[in-house]
Amino acid sequence: NTSAANDFPVQVIPTQVIINADGTPYVPSESMEESGIKFSMYTYKDTGEHAFTTHQGGMTEEQMRAILTDMGVASE
């Protein structure tokens, strides 16, 4: 669905756009930066404000769970 991706920098599939539940952009903690998962941070051109974070390529379940934990999502 190319129209759904028009406003996002999708270069490969899968690309995950990571946004917190409250709509604010996800900002990886220092521990996530050290995890080896590569994130790209995007800002609004007019304000320079952080808009969203992406990850390109596949992720393991363990990596996705680590991101969710970093976001404050409790695991069951």
PDB file of N, CA and C in Angstrom:
ATOM      1  N   ASN A   1       0.847  -1.167   0.000  1.00  0.00           N
ATOM      2  CA  ASN A   1       0.000   0.000   0.000  1.00  0.00           C
ATOM      3  C   ASN A   1       0.898   1.238   0.000  1.00  0.00           C
ATOM      4  N   THR A   2       1.276   1.675  -1.161  1.00  0.00           N
ATOM      5  CA  THR A   2       2.209   2.800  -1.264  1.00  0.00           C
ATOM      6  C   THR A   2       1.646   4.099  -0.706  1.00  0.00           C
ATOM      7  N   SER A   3       0.346   4.308  -0.788  1.00  0.00           N
ATOM      8  CA  SER A   3      -0.210   5.560  -0.271  1.00  0.00           C
ATOM      9  C   SER A   3      -0.087   5.646   1.247  1.00  0.00           C
ATOM     10  N   ALA A   4      -0.112   4.518   1.934  1.00  0.00           N
ATOM     11  CA  ALA A   4       0.043   4.520   3.392  1.00  0.00           C
ATOM     12  C   ALA A   4       1.463   4.889   3.801  1.00  0.00           C
ATOM     13  N   ALA A   5       2.416   4.638   2.932  1.00  0.00           N
ATOM     14  CA  ALA A   5       3.820   4.900   3.252  1.00  0.00           C
ATOM     15  C   ALA A   5       4.332   6.228   2.706  1.00  0.00           C
ATOM     16  N   ASN A   6       3.487   6.998   2.056  1.00  0.00           N
ATOM     17  CA  ASN A   6       3.930   8.235   1.410  1.00  0.00           C
ATOM     18  C   ASN A   6       4.657   9.199   2.334  1.00  0.00           C
ATOM     19  N   ASP A   7       4.236   9.323   3.575  1.00  0.00           N
ATOM     20  CA  ASP A   7       4.837  10.292   4.493  1.00  0.00           C
ATOM     21  C   ASP A   7       5.957   9.702   5.347  1.00  0.00           C
ATOM     22  N   PHE A   8       6.338   8.466   5.063  1.00  0.00           N
ATOM     23  CA  PHE A   8       7.371   7.805   5.856  1.00  0.00           C
ATOM     24  C   PHE A   8       8.519   7.352   4.954  1.00  0.00           C
ATOM     25  N   PRO A   9       9.742   7.290   5.501  1.00  0.00           N
ATOM     26  CA  PRO A   9      10.917   6.937   4.705  1.00  0.00           C
ATOM     27  C   PRO A   9      11.071   5.417   4.560  1.00  0.00           C
ATOM     28  N   VAL A  10      10.139   4.778   3.900  1.00  0.00           N
ATOM     29  CA  VAL A  10      10.196   3.332   3.727  1.00  0.00           C
ATOM     30  C   VAL A  10      11.087   3.020   2.530  1.00  0.00           C
ATOM     31  N   GLN A  11      12.214   2.363   2.817  1.00  0.00           N
ATOM     32  CA  GLN A  11      13.143   1.982   1.762  1.00  0.00           C
ATOM     33  C   GLN A  11      13.209   0.466   1.602  1.00  0.00           C
ATOM     34  N   VAL A  12      12.916  -0.253   2.668  1.00  0.00           N
ATOM     35  CA  VAL A  12      12.910  -1.711   2.637  1.00  0.00           C
ATOM     36  C   VAL A  12      11.685  -2.210   3.384  1.00  0.00           C
ATOM     37  N   ILE A  13      11.313  -3.435   3.086  1.00  0.00           N
ATOM     38  CA  ILE A  13      10.223  -4.077   3.806  1.00  0.00           C
ATOM     39  C   ILE A  13      10.816  -5.271   4.523  1.00  0.00           C
ATOM     40  N   PRO A  14      10.625  -5.395   5.827  1.00  0.00           N
ATOM     41  CA  PRO A  14       9.781  -4.552   6.668  1.00  0.00           C
ATOM     42  C   PRO A  14      10.514  -3.317   7.186  1.00  0.00           C
ATOM     43  N   THR A  15       9.758  -2.261   7.400  1.00  0.00           N
ATOM     44  CA  THR A  15      10.209  -1.071   8.113  1.00  0.00           C
ATOM     45  C   THR A  15       9.220  -0.831   9.238  1.00  0.00           C
ATOM     46  N   GLN A  16       9.720  -0.727  10.453  1.00  0.00           N
ATOM     47  CA  GLN A  16       8.866  -0.477  11.606  1.00  0.00           C
ATOM     48  C   GLN A  16       8.969   0.997  11.979  1.00  0.00           C
ATOM     49  N   VAL A  17       7.832   1.666  12.086  1.00  0.00           N
ATOM     50  CA  VAL A  17       7.763   3.029  12.600  1.00  0.00           C
ATOM     51  C   VAL A  17       7.333   2.888  14.051  1.00  0.00           C
ATOM     52  N   ILE A  18       8.182   3.352  14.967  1.00  0.00           N
ATOM     53  CA  ILE A  18       7.968   3.092  16.392  1.00  0.00           C
ATOM     54  C   ILE A  18       7.528   4.379  17.082  1.00  0.00           C
ATOM     55  N   ILE A  19       6.300   4.346  17.601  1.00  0.00           N
ATOM     56  CA  ILE A  19       5.691   5.489  18.283  1.00  0.00           C
ATOM     57  C   ILE A  19       5.098   4.978  19.591  1.00  0.00           C
ATOM     58  N   ASN A  20       5.257   5.736  20.664  1.00  0.00           N
ATOM     59  CA  ASN A  20       4.685   5.356  21.955  1.00  0.00           C
ATOM     60  C   ASN A  20       3.156   5.346  21.893  1.00  0.00           C
ATOM     61  N   ALA A  21       2.539   4.661  22.825  1.00  0.00           N
ATOM     62  CA  ALA A  21       1.080   4.526  22.863  1.00  0.00           C
ATOM     63  C   ALA A  21       0.374   5.876  22.951  1.00  0.00           C
ATOM     64  N   ASP A  22       1.030   6.853  23.562  1.00  0.00           N
ATOM     65  CA  ASP A  22       0.403   8.175  23.694  1.00  0.00           C
ATOM     66  C   ASP A  22       0.639   9.065  22.467  1.00  0.00           C
ATOM     67  N   GLY A  23       1.263   8.509  21.430  1.00  0.00           N
ATOM     68  CA  GLY A  23       1.492   9.242  20.195  1.00  0.00           C
ATOM     69  C   GLY A  23       2.809   9.989  20.130  1.00  0.00           C
ATOM     70  N   THR A  24       3.570   9.975  21.224  1.00  0.00           N
ATOM     71  CA  THR A  24       4.871  10.640  21.211  1.00  0.00           C
ATOM     72  C   THR A  24       5.904   9.730  20.551  1.00  0.00           C
ATOM     73  N   PRO A  25       6.953  10.306  19.996  1.00  0.00           N
ATOM     74  CA  PRO A  25       7.974   9.488  19.348  1.00  0.00           C
ATOM     75  C   PRO A  25       8.743   8.647  20.363  1.00  0.00           C
ATOM     76  N   TYR A  26       9.026   7.426  19.985  1.00  0.00           N
ATOM     77  CA  TYR A  26       9.869   6.549  20.805  1.00  0.00           C
ATOM     78  C   TYR A  26      11.311   7.026  20.688  1.00  0.00           C
ATOM     79  N   VAL A  27      11.961   7.187  21.832  1.00  0.00           N
ATOM     80  CA  VAL A  27      13.377   7.533  21.883  1.00  0.00           C
ATOM     81  C   VAL A  27      14.088   6.392  22.607  1.00  0.00           C
ATOM     82  N   PRO A  28      14.916   5.632  21.906  1.00  0.00           N
ATOM     83  CA  PRO A  28      15.598   4.507  22.548  1.00  0.00           C
ATOM     84  C   PRO A  28      16.486   4.978  23.698  1.00  0.00           C
ATOM     85  N   SER A  29      16.480   4.211  24.782  1.00  0.00           N
ATOM     86  CA  SER A  29      17.354   4.514  25.910  1.00  0.00           C
ATOM     87  C   SER A  29      18.791   4.164  25.535  1.00  0.00           C
ATOM     88  N   GLU A  30      19.731   4.553  26.375  1.00  0.00           N
ATOM     89  CA  GLU A  30      21.139   4.248  26.113  1.00  0.00           C
ATOM     90  C   GLU A  30      21.367   2.743  26.022  1.00  0.00           C
ATOM     91  N   SER A  31      20.664   1.978  26.855  1.00  0.00           N
ATOM     92  CA  SER A  31      20.847   0.526  26.824  1.00  0.00           C
ATOM     93  C   SER A  31      20.375  -0.064  25.493  1.00  0.00           C
ATOM     94  N   MET A  32      19.351   0.522  24.897  1.00  0.00           N
ATOM     95  CA  MET A  32      18.885   0.050  23.593  1.00  0.00           C
ATOM     96  C   MET A  32      19.885   0.409  22.510  1.00  0.00           C
ATOM     97  N   GLU A  33      20.511   1.565  22.630  1.00  0.00           N
ATOM     98  CA  GLU A  33      21.518   1.966  21.652  1.00  0.00           C
ATOM     99  C   GLU A  33      22.702   1.006  21.682  1.00  0.00           C
ATOM    100  N   GLU A  34      22.990   0.451  22.862  1.00  0.00           N
ATOM    101  CA  GLU A  34      24.091  -0.495  23.020  1.00  0.00           C
ATOM    102  C   GLU A  34      23.695  -1.907  22.620  1.00  0.00           C
ATOM    103  N   SER A  35      22.411  -2.146  22.362  1.00  0.00           N
ATOM    104  CA  SER A  35      21.915  -3.493  22.049  1.00  0.00           C
ATOM    105  C   SER A  35      22.276  -3.961  20.643  1.00  0.00           C
ATOM    106  N   GLY A  36      22.666  -3.032  19.795  1.00  0.00           N
ATOM    107  CA  GLY A  36      22.993  -3.391  18.423  1.00  0.00           C
ATOM    108  C   GLY A  36      21.829  -3.221  17.462  1.00  0.00           C
ATOM    109  N   ILE A  37      20.638  -2.911  17.983  1.00  0.00           N
ATOM    110  CA  ILE A  37      19.489  -2.641  17.116  1.00  0.00           C
ATOM    111  C   ILE A  37      19.676  -1.242  16.545  1.00  0.00           C
ATOM    112  N   LYS A  38      19.608  -1.127  15.233  1.00  0.00           N
ATOM    113  CA  LYS A  38      19.836   0.175  14.587  1.00  0.00           C
ATOM    114  C   LYS A  38      18.514   0.911  14.391  1.00  0.00           C
ATOM    115  N   PHE A  39      18.465   2.113  14.920  1.00  0.00           N
ATOM    116  CA  PHE A  39      17.293   2.968  14.792  1.00  0.00           C
ATOM    117  C   PHE A  39      17.654   4.199  13.973  1.00  0.00           C
ATOM    118  N   SER A  40      16.667   4.754  13.300  1.00  0.00           N
ATOM    119  CA  SER A  40      16.820   6.042  12.614  1.00  0.00           C
ATOM    120  C   SER A  40      15.796   6.991  13.217  1.00  0.00           C
ATOM    121  N   MET A  41      16.251   8.187  13.550  1.00  0.00           N
ATOM    122  CA  MET A  41      15.382   9.189  14.147  1.00  0.00           C
ATOM    123  C   MET A  41      15.081  10.246  13.089  1.00  0.00           C
ATOM    124  N   TYR A  42      13.824  10.633  12.984  1.00  0.00           N
ATOM    125  CA  TYR A  42      13.395  11.621  12.003  1.00  0.00           C
ATOM    126  C   TYR A  42      12.779  12.814  12.704  1.00  0.00           C
ATOM    127  N   THR A  43      13.017  13.987  12.134  1.00  0.00           N
ATOM    128  CA  THR A  43      12.489  15.220  12.700  1.00  0.00           C
ATOM    129  C   THR A  43      11.628  15.945  11.664  1.00  0.00           C
ATOM    130  N   TYR A  44      10.756  16.806  12.171  1.00  0.00           N
ATOM    131  CA  TYR A  44       9.969  17.665  11.284  1.00  0.00           C
ATOM    132  C   TYR A  44      10.892  18.725  10.700  1.00  0.00           C
ATOM    133  N   LYS A  45      10.797  18.949   9.408  1.00  0.00           N
ATOM    134  CA  LYS A  45      11.671  19.921   8.738  1.00  0.00           C
ATOM    135  C   LYS A  45      11.462  21.336   9.251  1.00  0.00           C
ATOM    136  N   ASP A  46      10.207  21.704   9.510  1.00  0.00           N
ATOM    137  CA  ASP A  46       9.924  23.088   9.885  1.00  0.00           C
ATOM    138  C   ASP A  46      10.273  23.430  11.325  1.00  0.00           C
ATOM    139  N   THR A  47      10.201  22.444  12.235  1.00  0.00           N
ATOM    140  CA  THR A  47      10.451  22.738  13.648  1.00  0.00           C
ATOM    141  C   THR A  47      11.696  22.061  14.210  1.00  0.00           C
ATOM    142  N   GLY A  48      12.172  21.008  13.551  1.00  0.00           N
ATOM    143  CA  GLY A  48      13.309  20.255  14.083  1.00  0.00           C
ATOM    144  C   GLY A  48      12.924  19.317  15.207  1.00  0.00           C
ATOM    145  N   GLU A  49      11.630  19.272  15.531  1.00  0.00           N
ATOM    146  CA  GLU A  49      11.125  18.410  16.609  1.00  0.00           C
ATOM    147  C   GLU A  49      11.150  16.945  16.157  1.00  0.00           C
ATOM    148  N   HIS A  50      11.473  16.050  17.096  1.00  0.00           N
ATOM    149  CA  HIS A  50      11.510  14.617  16.809  1.00  0.00           C
ATOM    150  C   HIS A  50      10.117  14.137  16.406  1.00  0.00           C
ATOM    151  N   ALA A  51      10.001  13.533  15.233  1.00  0.00           N
ATOM    152  CA  ALA A  51       8.704  13.104  14.700  1.00  0.00           C
ATOM    153  C   ALA A  51       8.443  11.626  14.968  1.00  0.00           C
ATOM    154  N   PHE A  52       9.414  10.774  14.649  1.00  0.00           N
ATOM    155  CA  PHE A  52       9.252   9.332  14.857  1.00  0.00           C
ATOM    156  C   PHE A  52      10.591   8.642  14.705  1.00  0.00           C
ATOM    157  N   THR A  53      10.608   7.388  15.106  1.00  0.00           N
ATOM    158  CA  THR A  53      11.794   6.543  15.048  1.00  0.00           C
ATOM    159  C   THR A  53      11.463   5.332  14.194  1.00  0.00           C
ATOM    160  N   THR A  54      12.417   4.897  13.375  1.00  0.00           N
ATOM    161  CA  THR A  54      12.189   3.706  12.561  1.00  0.00           C
ATOM    162  C   THR A  54      13.296   2.685  12.760  1.00  0.00           C
ATOM    163  N   HIS A  55      12.974   1.458  12.377  1.00  0.00           N
ATOM    164  CA  HIS A  55      13.948   0.375  12.256  1.00  0.00           C
ATOM    165  C   HIS A  55      13.667  -0.285  10.923  1.00  0.00           C
ATOM    166  N   GLN A  56      14.703  -0.501  10.141  1.00  0.00           N
ATOM    167  CA  GLN A  56      14.522  -1.142   8.845  1.00  0.00           C
ATOM    168  C   GLN A  56      15.052  -2.564   8.887  1.00  0.00           C
ATOM    169  N   GLY A  57      14.286  -3.477   8.300  1.00  0.00           N
ATOM    170  CA  GLY A  57      14.679  -4.873   8.248  1.00  0.00           C
ATOM    171  C   GLY A  57      13.946  -5.685   9.298  1.00  0.00           C
ATOM    172  N   GLY A  58      14.214  -6.963   9.287  1.00  0.00           N
ATOM    173  CA  GLY A  58      13.551  -7.859  10.221  1.00  0.00           C
ATOM    174  C   GLY A  58      14.059  -7.703  11.640  1.00  0.00           C
ATOM    175  N   MET A  59      13.232  -8.136  12.575  1.00  0.00           N
ATOM    176  CA  MET A  59      13.576  -8.128  13.995  1.00  0.00           C
ATOM    177  C   MET A  59      13.194  -9.469  14.587  1.00  0.00           C
ATOM    178  N   THR A  60      13.977  -9.912  15.538  1.00  0.00           N
ATOM    179  CA  THR A  60      13.614 -11.125  16.248  1.00  0.00           C
ATOM    180  C   THR A  60      12.565 -10.794  17.303  1.00  0.00           C
ATOM    181  N   GLU A  61      11.898 -11.807  17.795  1.00  0.00           N
ATOM    182  CA  GLU A  61      10.929 -11.598  18.878  1.00  0.00           C
ATOM    183  C   GLU A  61      11.626 -11.002  20.093  1.00  0.00           C
ATOM    184  N   GLU A  62      12.835 -11.455  20.370  1.00  0.00           N
ATOM    185  CA  GLU A  62      13.592 -10.946  21.514  1.00  0.00           C
ATOM    186  C   GLU A  62      13.884  -9.453  21.358  1.00  0.00           C
ATOM    187  N   GLN A  63      14.249  -9.029  20.155  1.00  0.00           N
ATOM    188  CA  GLN A  63      14.516  -7.614  19.915  1.00  0.00           C
ATOM    189  C   GLN A  63      13.248  -6.781  20.078  1.00  0.00           C
ATOM    190  N   MET A  64      12.139  -7.270  19.537  1.00  0.00           N
ATOM    191  CA  MET A  64      10.881  -6.532  19.656  1.00  0.00           C
ATOM    192  C   MET A  64      10.445  -6.449  21.121  1.00  0.00           C
ATOM    193  N   ARG A  65      10.598  -7.523  21.846  1.00  0.00           N
ATOM    194  CA  ARG A  65      10.258  -7.493  23.280  1.00  0.00           C
ATOM    195  C   ARG A  65      11.144  -6.511  24.034  1.00  0.00           C
ATOM    196  N   ALA A  66      12.427  -6.440  23.668  1.00  0.00           N
ATOM    197  CA  ALA A  66      13.338  -5.488  24.316  1.00  0.00           C
ATOM    198  C   ALA A  66      12.886  -4.057  24.064  1.00  0.00           C
ATOM    199  N   ILE A  67      12.453  -3.756  22.854  1.00  0.00           N
ATOM    200  CA  ILE A  67      11.954  -2.415  22.537  1.00  0.00           C
ATOM    201  C   ILE A  67      10.693  -2.117  23.336  1.00  0.00           C
ATOM    202  N   LEU A  68       9.762  -3.065  23.374  1.00  0.00           N
ATOM    203  CA  LEU A  68       8.532  -2.859  24.140  1.00  0.00           C
ATOM    204  C   LEU A  68       8.829  -2.648  25.615  1.00  0.00           C
ATOM    205  N   THR A  69       9.771  -3.397  26.161  1.00  0.00           N
ATOM    206  CA  THR A  69      10.166  -3.226  27.561  1.00  0.00           C
ATOM    207  C   THR A  69      10.765  -1.841  27.751  1.00  0.00           C
ATOM    208  N   ASP A  70      11.603  -1.408  26.821  1.00  0.00           N
ATOM    209  CA  ASP A  70      12.203  -0.085  26.891  1.00  0.00           C
ATOM    210  C   ASP A  70      11.137   1.011  26.831  1.00  0.00           C
ATOM    211  N   MET A  71      10.038   0.731  26.138  1.00  0.00           N
ATOM    212  CA  MET A  71       8.935   1.680  26.034  1.00  0.00           C
ATOM    213  C   MET A  71       8.067   1.696  27.299  1.00  0.00           C
ATOM    214  N   GLY A  72       8.296   0.730  28.184  1.00  0.00           N
ATOM    215  CA  GLY A  72       7.515   0.670  29.415  1.00  0.00           C
ATOM    216  C   GLY A  72       6.320  -0.246  29.343  1.00  0.00           C
ATOM    217  N   VAL A  73       6.251  -1.069  28.298  1.00  0.00           N
ATOM    218  CA  VAL A  73       5.153  -2.031  28.168  1.00  0.00           C
ATOM    219  C   VAL A  73       5.486  -3.244  29.018  1.00  0.00           C
ATOM    220  N   ALA A  74       4.605  -3.584  29.929  1.00  0.00           N
ATOM    221  CA  ALA A  74       4.835  -4.721  30.812  1.00  0.00           C
ATOM    222  C   ALA A  74       4.609  -6.015  30.052  1.00  0.00           C
ATOM    223  N   SER A  75       5.486  -6.983  30.282  1.00  0.00           N
ATOM    224  CA  SER A  75       5.297  -8.294  29.646  1.00  0.00           C
ATOM    225  C   SER A  75       4.510  -9.195  30.571  1.00  0.00           C
ATOM    226  N   GLU A  76       3.812 -10.126  29.963  1.00  0.00           N
ATOM    227  CA  GLU A  76       2.975 -11.032  30.755  1.00  0.00           C
ATOM    228  C   GLU A  76       3.706 -12.307  31.043  1.00  0.00           C
TER     229      GLU A  76
END
